[in-house]
Amino acid sequence: MRKLLQTFLVLLALSAISGCVYQPPMSQGNVLEQTDIDQVEVGMTQSQVRFLLGTPMIDDPFHKNRWDYVYFLKIGRQAAGFKRWVSIDFVDGRVSEIIENQELSPKL
């Protein structure tokens, strides 16, 4: 009986400890400042955009003429506190449209 009680207490302690695992802050994507995004203008070349914003986060083979810059910051187990998604469309290698403030999944 005593051995069974000890086993139960060990299992109870292990289950309690397993819920206390530290999760560090997680930052994913391109950190974009609004001042950098504001400098992108219609008519700029792809190399100019890459110089300002860096390499795009998503390289979508189905949308070769669109670059997506996605960023989110998640601290611990909380939902992402800061999210940003900017898409830039190109026609003939030049910016044709800049789409800001797109919604990311609320599950992030």
PDB file of N, CA and C in Angstrom:
ATOM      1  N   MET A   1       0.826  -1.187   0.000  1.00  0.00           N
ATOM      2  CA  MET A   1       0.000   0.000   0.000  1.00  0.00           C
ATOM      3  C   MET A   1       0.875   1.258   0.000  1.00  0.00           C
ATOM      4  N   ARG A   2       1.942   1.217   0.779  1.00  0.00           N
ATOM      5  CA  ARG A   2       2.833   2.360   0.873  1.00  0.00           C
ATOM      6  C   ARG A   2       3.526   2.603  -0.468  1.00  0.00           C
ATOM      7  N   LYS A   3       3.917   1.538  -1.158  1.00  0.00           N
ATOM      8  CA  LYS A   3       4.573   1.649  -2.467  1.00  0.00           C
ATOM      9  C   LYS A   3       3.615   2.267  -3.488  1.00  0.00           C
ATOM     10  N   LEU A   4       2.361   1.888  -3.425  1.00  0.00           N
ATOM     11  CA  LEU A   4       1.348   2.433  -4.321  1.00  0.00           C
ATOM     12  C   LEU A   4       1.145   3.923  -4.062  1.00  0.00           C
ATOM     13  N   LEU A   5       1.146   4.332  -2.822  1.00  0.00           N
ATOM     14  CA  LEU A   5       0.998   5.734  -2.455  1.00  0.00           C
ATOM     15  C   LEU A   5       2.191   6.551  -2.945  1.00  0.00           C
ATOM     16  N   GLN A   6       3.404   6.003  -2.810  1.00  0.00           N
ATOM     17  CA  GLN A   6       4.605   6.702  -3.285  1.00  0.00           C
ATOM     18  C   GLN A   6       4.568   6.858  -4.808  1.00  0.00           C
ATOM     19  N   THR A   7       4.170   5.830  -5.503  1.00  0.00           N
ATOM     20  CA  THR A   7       4.076   5.891  -6.963  1.00  0.00           C
ATOM     21  C   THR A   7       3.054   6.951  -7.382  1.00  0.00           C
ATOM     22  N   PHE A   8       1.931   6.971  -6.700  1.00  0.00           N
ATOM     23  CA  PHE A   8       0.898   7.962  -6.998  1.00  0.00           C
ATOM     24  C   PHE A   8       1.407   9.377  -6.769  1.00  0.00           C
ATOM     25  N   LEU A   9       2.116   9.607  -5.666  1.00  0.00           N
ATOM     26  CA  LEU A   9       2.640  10.933  -5.356  1.00  0.00           C
ATOM     27  C   LEU A   9       3.701  11.367  -6.376  1.00  0.00           C
ATOM     28  N   VAL A  10       4.534  10.449  -6.825  1.00  0.00           N
ATOM     29  CA  VAL A  10       5.546  10.765  -7.842  1.00  0.00           C
ATOM     30  C   VAL A  10       4.865  11.137  -9.154  1.00  0.00           C
ATOM     31  N   LEU A  11       3.863  10.369  -9.557  1.00  0.00           N
ATOM     32  CA  LEU A  11       3.136  10.683 -10.785  1.00  0.00           C
ATOM     33  C   LEU A  11       2.398  12.022 -10.682  1.00  0.00           C
ATOM     34  N   LEU A  12       1.848  12.316  -9.540  1.00  0.00           N
ATOM     35  CA  LEU A  12       1.166  13.576  -9.319  1.00  0.00           C
ATOM     36  C   LEU A  12       2.150  14.745  -9.407  1.00  0.00           C
ATOM     37  N   ALA A  13       3.316  14.589  -8.812  1.00  0.00           N
ATOM     38  CA  ALA A  13       4.337  15.641  -8.865  1.00  0.00           C
ATOM     39  C   ALA A  13       4.833  15.862 -10.298  1.00  0.00           C
ATOM     40  N   LEU A  14       5.041  14.780 -11.034  1.00  0.00           N
ATOM     41  CA  LEU A  14       5.495  14.907 -12.416  1.00  0.00           C
ATOM     42  C   LEU A  14       4.457  15.604 -13.288  1.00  0.00           C
ATOM     43  N   SER A  15       3.206  15.297 -13.088  1.00  0.00           N
ATOM     44  CA  SER A  15       2.164  15.951 -13.888  1.00  0.00           C
ATOM     45  C   SER A  15       2.050  17.432 -13.533  1.00  0.00           C
ATOM     46  N   ALA A  16       2.271  17.781 -12.279  1.00  0.00           N
ATOM     47  CA  ALA A  16       2.216  19.182 -11.877  1.00  0.00           C
ATOM     48  C   ALA A  16       3.394  19.965 -12.445  1.00  0.00           C
ATOM     49  N   ILE A  17       4.561  19.346 -12.475  1.00  0.00           N
ATOM     50  CA  ILE A  17       5.761  20.006 -12.985  1.00  0.00           C
ATOM     51  C   ILE A  17       5.704  20.178 -14.500  1.00  0.00           C
ATOM     52  N   SER A  18       5.094  19.254 -15.197  1.00  0.00           N
ATOM     53  CA  SER A  18       5.071  19.319 -16.660  1.00  0.00           C
ATOM     54  C   SER A  18       4.308  20.529 -17.178  1.00  0.00           C
ATOM     55  N   GLY A  19       3.411  21.096 -16.415  1.00  0.00           N
ATOM     56  CA  GLY A  19       2.666  22.278 -16.827  1.00  0.00           C
ATOM     57  C   GLY A  19       3.425  23.569 -16.601  1.00  0.00           C
ATOM     58  N   CYS A  20       4.603  23.496 -16.014  1.00  0.00           N
ATOM     59  CA  CYS A  20       5.375  24.690 -15.675  1.00  0.00           C
ATOM     60  C   CYS A  20       6.608  24.849 -16.560  1.00  0.00           C
ATOM     61  N   VAL A  21       6.510  24.473 -17.795  1.00  0.00           N
ATOM     62  CA  VAL A  21       7.646  24.563 -18.706  1.00  0.00           C
ATOM     63  C   VAL A  21       7.736  25.985 -19.234  1.00  0.00           C
ATOM     64  N   TYR A  22       8.919  26.563 -19.182  1.00  0.00           N
ATOM     65  CA  TYR A  22       9.140  27.928 -19.659  1.00  0.00           C
ATOM     66  C   TYR A  22       9.078  27.971 -21.180  1.00  0.00           C
ATOM     67  N   GLN A  23       8.358  28.931 -21.714  1.00  0.00           N
ATOM     68  CA  GLN A  23       8.314  29.144 -23.155  1.00  0.00           C
ATOM     69  C   GLN A  23       8.851  30.545 -23.438  1.00  0.00           C
ATOM     70  N   PRO A  24       9.993  30.628 -24.102  1.00  0.00           N
ATOM     71  CA  PRO A  24      10.598  31.945 -24.359  1.00  0.00           C
ATOM     72  C   PRO A  24       9.793  32.731 -25.381  1.00  0.00           C
ATOM     73  N   PRO A  25       9.965  34.046 -25.408  1.00  0.00           N
ATOM     74  CA  PRO A  25       9.292  34.855 -26.428  1.00  0.00           C
ATOM     75  C   PRO A  25       9.702  34.397 -27.823  1.00  0.00           C
ATOM     76  N   MET A  26       8.752  34.377 -28.750  1.00  0.00           N
ATOM     77  CA  MET A  26       9.024  33.905 -30.099  1.00  0.00           C
ATOM     78  C   MET A  26       8.702  35.026 -31.087  1.00  0.00           C
ATOM     79  N   SER A  27       9.704  35.389 -31.857  1.00  0.00           N
ATOM     80  CA  SER A  27       9.552  36.407 -32.876  1.00  0.00           C
ATOM     81  C   SER A  27       9.765  35.753 -34.231  1.00  0.00           C
ATOM     82  N   GLN A  28       8.800  35.906 -35.124  1.00  0.00           N
ATOM     83  CA  GLN A  28       8.882  35.275 -36.439  1.00  0.00           C
ATOM     84  C   GLN A  28       8.676  36.314 -37.521  1.00  0.00           C
ATOM     85  N   GLY A  29       9.481  36.251 -38.562  1.00  0.00           N
ATOM     86  CA  GLY A  29       9.251  37.074 -39.736  1.00  0.00           C
ATOM     87  C   GLY A  29      10.170  38.264 -39.853  1.00  0.00           C
ATOM     88  N   ASN A  30       9.738  39.221 -40.671  1.00  0.00           N
ATOM     89  CA  ASN A  30      10.482  40.434 -40.957  1.00  0.00           C
ATOM     90  C   ASN A  30      10.010  41.546 -40.028  1.00  0.00           C
ATOM     91  N   VAL A  31      10.931  42.122 -39.266  1.00  0.00           N
ATOM     92  CA  VAL A  31      10.583  43.260 -38.429  1.00  0.00           C
ATOM     93  C   VAL A  31      10.568  44.485 -39.341  1.00  0.00           C
ATOM     94  N   LEU A  32       9.397  45.063 -39.518  1.00  0.00           N
ATOM     95  CA  LEU A  32       9.242  46.210 -40.413  1.00  0.00           C
ATOM     96  C   LEU A  32       8.839  47.443 -39.620  1.00  0.00           C
ATOM     97  N   GLU A  33       9.576  48.510 -39.818  1.00  0.00           N
ATOM     98  CA  GLU A  33       9.213  49.796 -39.226  1.00  0.00           C
ATOM     99  C   GLU A  33       8.255  50.503 -40.182  1.00  0.00           C
ATOM    100  N   GLN A  34       7.321  51.243 -39.637  1.00  0.00           N
ATOM    101  CA  GLN A  34       6.356  51.950 -40.474  1.00  0.00           C
ATOM    102  C   GLN A  34       7.060  52.965 -41.379  1.00  0.00           C
ATOM    103  N   THR A  35       8.151  53.547 -40.907  1.00  0.00           N
ATOM    104  CA  THR A  35       8.881  54.514 -41.734  1.00  0.00           C
ATOM    105  C   THR A  35       9.465  53.851 -42.980  1.00  0.00           C
ATOM    106  N   ASP A  36       9.908  52.588 -42.846  1.00  0.00           N
ATOM    107  CA  ASP A  36      10.430  51.860 -44.006  1.00  0.00           C
ATOM    108  C   ASP A  36       9.313  51.529 -44.995  1.00  0.00           C
ATOM    109  N   ILE A  37       8.160  51.118 -44.471  1.00  0.00           N
ATOM    110  CA  ILE A  37       7.022  50.785 -45.340  1.00  0.00           C
ATOM    111  C   ILE A  37       6.546  52.032 -46.077  1.00  0.00           C
ATOM    112  N   ASP A  38       6.553  53.170 -45.390  1.00  0.00           N
ATOM    113  CA  ASP A  38       6.099  54.420 -46.008  1.00  0.00           C
ATOM    114  C   ASP A  38       7.007  54.857 -47.156  1.00  0.00           C
ATOM    115  N   GLN A  39       8.256  54.408 -47.172  1.00  0.00           N
ATOM    116  CA  GLN A  39       9.186  54.783 -48.235  1.00  0.00           C
ATOM    117  C   GLN A  39       8.950  53.998 -49.525  1.00  0.00           C
ATOM    118  N   VAL A  40       8.261  52.865 -49.439  1.00  0.00           N
ATOM    119  CA  VAL A  40       7.977  52.070 -50.638  1.00  0.00           C
ATOM    120  C   VAL A  40       6.893  52.786 -51.437  1.00  0.00           C
ATOM    121  N   GLU A  41       7.170  52.986 -52.713  1.00  0.00           N
ATOM    122  CA  GLU A  41       6.231  53.708 -53.570  1.00  0.00           C
ATOM    123  C   GLU A  41       5.929  52.895 -54.826  1.00  0.00           C
ATOM    124  N   VAL A  42       4.783  53.154 -55.401  1.00  0.00           N
ATOM    125  CA  VAL A  42       4.415  52.526 -56.672  1.00  0.00           C
ATOM    126  C   VAL A  42       5.440  52.959 -57.715  1.00  0.00           C
ATOM    127  N   GLY A  43       5.921  51.971 -58.487  1.00  0.00           N
ATOM    128  CA  GLY A  43       6.903  52.238 -59.532  1.00  0.00           C
ATOM    129  C   GLY A  43       8.325  51.852 -59.160  1.00  0.00           C
ATOM    130  N   MET A  44       8.574  51.554 -57.869  1.00  0.00           N
ATOM    131  CA  MET A  44       9.917  51.141 -57.452  1.00  0.00           C
ATOM    132  C   MET A  44      10.227  49.749 -57.997  1.00  0.00           C
ATOM    133  N   THR A  45      11.506  49.456 -58.178  1.00  0.00           N
ATOM    134  CA  THR A  45      11.917  48.135 -58.653  1.00  0.00           C
ATOM    135  C   THR A  45      11.958  47.154 -57.490  1.00  0.00           C
ATOM    136  N   GLN A  46      12.037  45.874 -57.830  1.00  0.00           N
ATOM    137  CA  GLN A  46      12.113  44.835 -56.794  1.00  0.00           C
ATOM    138  C   GLN A  46      13.385  44.977 -55.972  1.00  0.00           C
ATOM    139  N   SER A  47      14.493  45.343 -56.590  1.00  0.00           N
ATOM    140  CA  SER A  47      15.741  45.491 -55.832  1.00  0.00           C
ATOM    141  C   SER A  47      15.665  46.675 -54.866  1.00  0.00           C
ATOM    142  N   GLN A  48      14.964  47.738 -55.229  1.00  0.00           N
ATOM    143  CA  GLN A  48      14.792  48.864 -54.316  1.00  0.00           C
ATOM    144  C   GLN A  48      13.959  48.462 -53.104  1.00  0.00           C
ATOM    145  N   VAL A  49      12.905  47.686 -53.350  1.00  0.00           N
ATOM    146  CA  VAL A  49      12.061  47.220 -52.253  1.00  0.00           C
ATOM    147  C   VAL A  49      12.852  46.285 -51.347  1.00  0.00           C
ATOM    148  N   ARG A  50      13.639  45.393 -51.942  1.00  0.00           N
ATOM    149  CA  ARG A  50      14.458  44.472 -51.144  1.00  0.00           C
ATOM    150  C   ARG A  50      15.472  45.239 -50.295  1.00  0.00           C
ATOM    151  N   PHE A  51      16.016  46.328 -50.826  1.00  0.00           N
ATOM    152  CA  PHE A  51      16.962  47.158 -50.070  1.00  0.00           C
ATOM    153  C   PHE A  51      16.279  47.787 -48.860  1.00  0.00           C
ATOM    154  N   LEU A  52      15.040  48.262 -49.037  1.00  0.00           N
ATOM    155  CA  LEU A  52      14.314  48.920 -47.947  1.00  0.00           C
ATOM    156  C   LEU A  52      13.786  47.947 -46.905  1.00  0.00           C
ATOM    157  N   LEU A  53      13.159  46.857 -47.362  1.00  0.00           N
ATOM    158  CA  LEU A  53      12.438  45.961 -46.445  1.00  0.00           C
ATOM    159  C   LEU A  53      13.123  44.627 -46.196  1.00  0.00           C
ATOM    160  N   GLY A  54      14.116  44.280 -47.003  1.00  0.00           N
ATOM    161  CA  GLY A  54      14.779  42.988 -46.846  1.00  0.00           C
ATOM    162  C   GLY A  54      14.106  41.923 -47.698  1.00  0.00           C
ATOM    163  N   THR A  55      14.591  40.717 -47.565  1.00  0.00           N
ATOM    164  CA  THR A  55      14.044  39.587 -48.309  1.00  0.00           C
ATOM    165  C   THR A  55      12.665  39.238 -47.762  1.00  0.00           C
ATOM    166  N   PRO A  56      11.680  39.018 -48.626  1.00  0.00           N
ATOM    167  CA  PRO A  56      10.333  38.707 -48.134  1.00  0.00           C
ATOM    168  C   PRO A  56      10.286  37.389 -47.375  1.00  0.00           C
ATOM    169  N   MET A  57       9.404  37.326 -46.399  1.00  0.00           N
ATOM    170  CA  MET A  57       9.246  36.137 -45.557  1.00  0.00           C
ATOM    171  C   MET A  57       8.689  34.965 -46.356  1.00  0.00           C
ATOM    172  N   ILE A  58       7.733  35.232 -47.235  1.00  0.00           N
ATOM    173  CA  ILE A  58       7.054  34.169 -47.967  1.00  0.00           C
ATOM    174  C   ILE A  58       7.424  34.259 -49.439  1.00  0.00           C
ATOM    175  N   ASP A  59       7.921  33.159 -49.980  1.00  0.00           N
ATOM    176  CA  ASP A  59       8.216  33.054 -51.401  1.00  0.00           C
ATOM    177  C   ASP A  59       7.203  32.075 -51.983  1.00  0.00           C
ATOM    178  N   ASP A  60       6.082  32.617 -52.426  1.00  0.00           N
ATOM    179  CA  ASP A  60       4.951  31.801 -52.876  1.00  0.00           C
ATOM    180  C   ASP A  60       5.105  31.453 -54.354  1.00  0.00           C
ATOM    181  N   PRO A  61       5.240  30.173 -54.697  1.00  0.00           N
ATOM    182  CA  PRO A  61       5.390  29.803 -56.105  1.00  0.00           C
ATOM    183  C   PRO A  61       4.136  30.064 -56.939  1.00  0.00           C
ATOM    184  N   PHE A  62       2.992  30.243 -56.298  1.00  0.00           N
ATOM    185  CA  PHE A  62       1.756  30.490 -57.030  1.00  0.00           C
ATOM    186  C   PHE A  62       1.535  31.979 -57.310  1.00  0.00           C
ATOM    187  N   HIS A  63       2.263  32.831 -56.608  1.00  0.00           N
ATOM    188  CA  HIS A  63       2.154  34.278 -56.789  1.00  0.00           C
ATOM    189  C   HIS A  63       3.561  34.856 -56.930  1.00  0.00           C
ATOM    190  N   LYS A  64       4.174  34.638 -58.066  1.00  0.00           N
ATOM    191  CA  LYS A  64       5.560  35.077 -58.292  1.00  0.00           C
ATOM    192  C   LYS A  64       5.693  36.594 -58.236  1.00  0.00           C
ATOM    193  N   ASN A  65       4.627  37.313 -58.551  1.00  0.00           N
ATOM    194  CA  ASN A  65       4.692  38.773 -58.596  1.00  0.00           C
ATOM    195  C   ASN A  65       4.171  39.429 -57.324  1.00  0.00           C
ATOM    196  N   ARG A  66       4.155  38.682 -56.220  1.00  0.00           N
ATOM    197  CA  ARG A  66       3.727  39.237 -54.940  1.00  0.00           C
ATOM    198  C   ARG A  66       4.720  38.833 -53.867  1.00  0.00           C
ATOM    199  N   TRP A  67       5.141  39.810 -53.084  1.00  0.00           N
ATOM    200  CA  TRP A  67       6.007  39.539 -51.940  1.00  0.00           C
ATOM    201  C   TRP A  67       5.202  39.800 -50.676  1.00  0.00           C
ATOM    202  N   ASP A  68       5.269  38.874 -49.722  1.00  0.00           N
ATOM    203  CA  ASP A  68       4.566  39.012 -48.452  1.00  0.00           C
ATOM    204  C   ASP A  68       5.577  39.135 -47.326  1.00  0.00           C
ATOM    205  N   TYR A  69       5.409  40.188 -46.545  1.00  0.00           N
ATOM    206  CA  TYR A  69       6.224  40.401 -45.358  1.00  0.00           C
ATOM    207  C   TYR A  69       5.331  40.191 -44.150  1.00  0.00           C
ATOM    208  N   VAL A  70       5.634  39.168 -43.363  1.00  0.00           N
ATOM    209  CA  VAL A  70       4.815  38.802 -42.213  1.00  0.00           C
ATOM    210  C   VAL A  70       5.683  38.854 -40.958  1.00  0.00           C
ATOM    211  N   TYR A  71       5.115  39.390 -39.869  1.00  0.00           N
ATOM    212  CA  TYR A  71       5.838  39.436 -38.600  1.00  0.00           C
ATOM    213  C   TYR A  71       4.844  39.270 -37.461  1.00  0.00           C
ATOM    214  N   PHE A  72       5.247  38.474 -36.465  1.00  0.00           N
ATOM    215  CA  PHE A  72       4.471  38.430 -35.227  1.00  0.00           C
ATOM    216  C   PHE A  72       5.387  38.143 -34.056  1.00  0.00           C
ATOM    217  N   LEU A  73       4.980  38.645 -32.892  1.00  0.00           N
ATOM    218  CA  LEU A  73       5.725  38.461 -31.652  1.00  0.00           C
ATOM    219  C   LEU A  73       4.799  37.788 -30.656  1.00  0.00           C
ATOM    220  N   LYS A  74       5.235  36.640 -30.165  1.00  0.00           N
ATOM    221  CA  LYS A  74       4.431  35.868 -29.215  1.00  0.00           C
ATOM    222  C   LYS A  74       5.261  35.688 -27.951  1.00  0.00           C
ATOM    223  N   ILE A  75       4.699  36.089 -26.818  1.00  0.00           N
ATOM    224  CA  ILE A  75       5.410  35.986 -25.544  1.00  0.00           C
ATOM    225  C   ILE A  75       4.766  34.898 -24.704  1.00  0.00           C
ATOM    226  N   GLY A  76       5.543  33.852 -24.410  1.00  0.00           N
ATOM    227  CA  GLY A  76       5.051  32.738 -23.611  1.00  0.00           C
ATOM    228  C   GLY A  76       3.887  32.031 -24.260  1.00  0.00           C
ATOM    229  N   ARG A  77       2.856  31.738 -23.489  1.00  0.00           N
ATOM    230  CA  ARG A  77       1.691  31.018 -24.000  1.00  0.00           C
ATOM    231  C   ARG A  77       0.571  31.961 -24.430  1.00  0.00           C
ATOM    232  N   GLN A  78       0.809  33.245 -24.329  1.00  0.00           N
ATOM    233  CA  GLN A  78      -0.208  34.221 -24.708  1.00  0.00           C
ATOM    234  C   GLN A  78      -0.333  34.294 -26.224  1.00  0.00           C
ATOM    235  N   ALA A  79      -1.433  34.833 -26.685  1.00  0.00           N
ATOM    236  CA  ALA A  79      -1.608  35.056 -28.123  1.00  0.00           C
ATOM    237  C   ALA A  79      -0.611  36.116 -28.580  1.00  0.00           C
ATOM    238  N   ALA A  80      -0.322  36.114 -29.866  1.00  0.00           N
ATOM    239  CA  ALA A  80       0.632  37.072 -30.410  1.00  0.00           C
ATOM    240  C   ALA A  80       0.157  38.486 -30.111  1.00  0.00           C
ATOM    241  N   GLY A  81       1.037  39.277 -29.518  1.00  0.00           N
ATOM    242  CA  GLY A  81       0.684  40.632 -29.132  1.00  0.00           C
ATOM    243  C   GLY A  81       0.864  41.637 -30.248  1.00  0.00           C
ATOM    244  N   PHE A  82       1.779  41.376 -31.160  1.00  0.00           N
ATOM    245  CA  PHE A  82       2.037  42.299 -32.259  1.00  0.00           C
ATOM    246  C   PHE A  82       2.083  41.509 -33.553  1.00  0.00           C
ATOM    247  N   LYS A  83       1.253  41.894 -34.514  1.00  0.00           N
ATOM    248  CA  LYS A  83       1.197  41.187 -35.795  1.00  0.00           C
ATOM    249  C   LYS A  83       1.186  42.206 -36.927  1.00  0.00           C
ATOM    250  N   ARG A  84       1.875  41.876 -38.009  1.00  0.00           N
ATOM    251  CA  ARG A  84       1.870  42.743 -39.181  1.00  0.00           C
ATOM    252  C   ARG A  84       2.021  41.888 -40.431  1.00  0.00           C
ATOM    253  N   TRP A  85       1.252  42.245 -41.473  1.00  0.00           N
ATOM    254  CA  TRP A  85       1.332  41.537 -42.752  1.00  0.00           C
ATOM    255  C   TRP A  85       1.204  42.584 -43.849  1.00  0.00           C
ATOM    256  N   VAL A  86       2.254  42.711 -44.641  1.00  0.00           N
ATOM    257  CA  VAL A  86       2.284  43.657 -45.749  1.00  0.00           C
ATOM    258  C   VAL A  86       2.566  42.875 -47.024  1.00  0.00           C
ATOM    259  N   SER A  87       1.764  43.103 -48.067  1.00  0.00           N
ATOM    260  CA  SER A  87       1.977  42.468 -49.369  1.00  0.00           C
ATOM    261  C   SER A  87       2.299  43.548 -50.397  1.00  0.00           C
ATOM    262  N   ILE A  88       3.238  43.224 -51.261  1.00  0.00           N
ATOM    263  CA  ILE A  88       3.609  44.140 -52.337  1.00  0.00           C
ATOM    264  C   ILE A  88       3.469  43.392 -53.652  1.00  0.00           C
ATOM    265  N   ASP A  89       2.652  43.938 -54.551  1.00  0.00           N
ATOM    266  CA  ASP A  89       2.424  43.337 -55.865  1.00  0.00           C
ATOM    267  C   ASP A  89       3.300  44.048 -56.893  1.00  0.00           C
ATOM    268  N   PHE A  90       3.828  43.251 -57.826  1.00  0.00           N
ATOM    269  CA  PHE A  90       4.692  43.776 -58.882  1.00  0.00           C
ATOM    270  C   PHE A  90       4.081  43.472 -60.244  1.00  0.00           C
ATOM    271  N   VAL A  91       4.275  44.402 -61.175  1.00  0.00           N
ATOM    272  CA  VAL A  91       3.941  44.198 -62.582  1.00  0.00           C
ATOM    273  C   VAL A  91       5.173  44.626 -63.367  1.00  0.00           C
ATOM    274  N   ASP A  92       5.708  43.713 -64.166  1.00  0.00           N
ATOM    275  CA  ASP A  92       6.925  43.955 -64.950  1.00  0.00           C
ATOM    276  C   ASP A  92       8.091  44.399 -64.063  1.00  0.00           C
ATOM    277  N   GLY A  93       8.202  43.825 -62.875  1.00  0.00           N
ATOM    278  CA  GLY A  93       9.336  44.094 -61.989  1.00  0.00           C
ATOM    279  C   GLY A  93       9.248  45.393 -61.221  1.00  0.00           C
ATOM    280  N   ARG A  94       8.102  46.056 -61.263  1.00  0.00           N
ATOM    281  CA  ARG A  94       7.922  47.320 -60.544  1.00  0.00           C
ATOM    282  C   ARG A  94       6.694  47.231 -59.643  1.00  0.00           C
ATOM    283  N   VAL A  95       6.732  47.945 -58.513  1.00  0.00           N
ATOM    284  CA  VAL A  95       5.630  47.933 -57.550  1.00  0.00           C
ATOM    285  C   VAL A  95       4.371  48.481 -58.214  1.00  0.00           C
ATOM    286  N   SER A  96       3.280  47.711 -58.121  1.00  0.00           N
ATOM    287  CA  SER A  96       1.995  48.171 -58.647  1.00  0.00           C
ATOM    288  C   SER A  96       0.992  48.439 -57.528  1.00  0.00           C
ATOM    289  N   GLU A  97       1.155  47.740 -56.377  1.00  0.00           N
ATOM    290  CA  GLU A  97       0.216  47.906 -55.269  1.00  0.00           C
ATOM    291  C   GLU A  97       0.879  47.527 -53.956  1.00  0.00           C
ATOM    292  N   ILE A  98       0.569  48.281 -52.908  1.00  0.00           N
ATOM    293  CA  ILE A  98       1.069  48.014 -51.560  1.00  0.00           C
ATOM    294  C   ILE A  98      -0.146  47.786 -50.674  1.00  0.00           C
ATOM    295  N   ILE A  99      -0.240  46.596 -50.079  1.00  0.00           N
ATOM    296  CA  ILE A  99      -1.399  46.237 -49.253  1.00  0.00           C
ATOM    297  C   ILE A  99      -0.910  46.091 -47.810  1.00  0.00           C
ATOM    298  N   GLU A 100      -1.381  46.990 -46.943  1.00  0.00           N
ATOM    299  CA  GLU A 100      -0.970  46.982 -45.540  1.00  0.00           C
ATOM    300  C   GLU A 100      -2.120  46.541 -44.643  1.00  0.00           C
ATOM    301  N   ASN A 101      -1.774  46.269 -43.390  1.00  0.00           N
ATOM    302  CA  ASN A 101      -2.748  45.981 -42.325  1.00  0.00           C
ATOM    303  C   ASN A 101      -3.692  44.836 -42.652  1.00  0.00           C
ATOM    304  N   GLN A 102      -3.164  43.770 -43.207  1.00  0.00           N
ATOM    305  CA  GLN A 102      -3.974  42.583 -43.451  1.00  0.00           C
ATOM    306  C   GLN A 102      -4.111  41.808 -42.150  1.00  0.00           C
ATOM    307  N   GLU A 103      -5.173  41.063 -42.009  1.00  0.00           N
ATOM    308  CA  GLU A 103      -5.445  40.322 -40.782  1.00  0.00           C
ATOM    309  C   GLU A 103      -4.720  38.985 -40.785  1.00  0.00           C
ATOM    310  N   LEU A 104      -3.995  38.721 -39.720  1.00  0.00           N
ATOM    311  CA  LEU A 104      -3.405  37.401 -39.488  1.00  0.00           C
ATOM    312  C   LEU A 104      -4.348  36.587 -38.626  1.00  0.00           C
ATOM    313  N   SER A 105      -4.168  35.301 -38.624  1.00  0.00           N
ATOM    314  CA  SER A 105      -5.029  34.420 -37.849  1.00  0.00           C
ATOM    315  C   SER A 105      -5.026  34.807 -36.365  1.00  0.00           C
ATOM    316  N   PRO A 106      -6.175  34.885 -35.732  1.00  0.00           N
ATOM    317  CA  PRO A 106      -6.218  35.214 -34.308  1.00  0.00           C
ATOM    318  C   PRO A 106      -5.642  34.101 -33.428  1.00  0.00           C
ATOM    319  N   LYS A 107      -5.399  32.933 -33.992  1.00  0.00           N
ATOM    320  CA  LYS A 107      -4.854  31.816 -33.221  1.00  0.00           C
ATOM    321  C   LYS A 107      -3.354  31.932 -32.990  1.00  0.00           C
ATOM    322  N   LEU A 108      -2.693  32.884 -33.635  1.00  0.00           N
ATOM    323  CA  LEU A 108      -1.250  33.055 -33.446  1.00  0.00           C
ATOM    324  C   LEU A 108      -0.937  33.522 -32.066  1.00  0.00           C
TER     325      LEU A 108
END
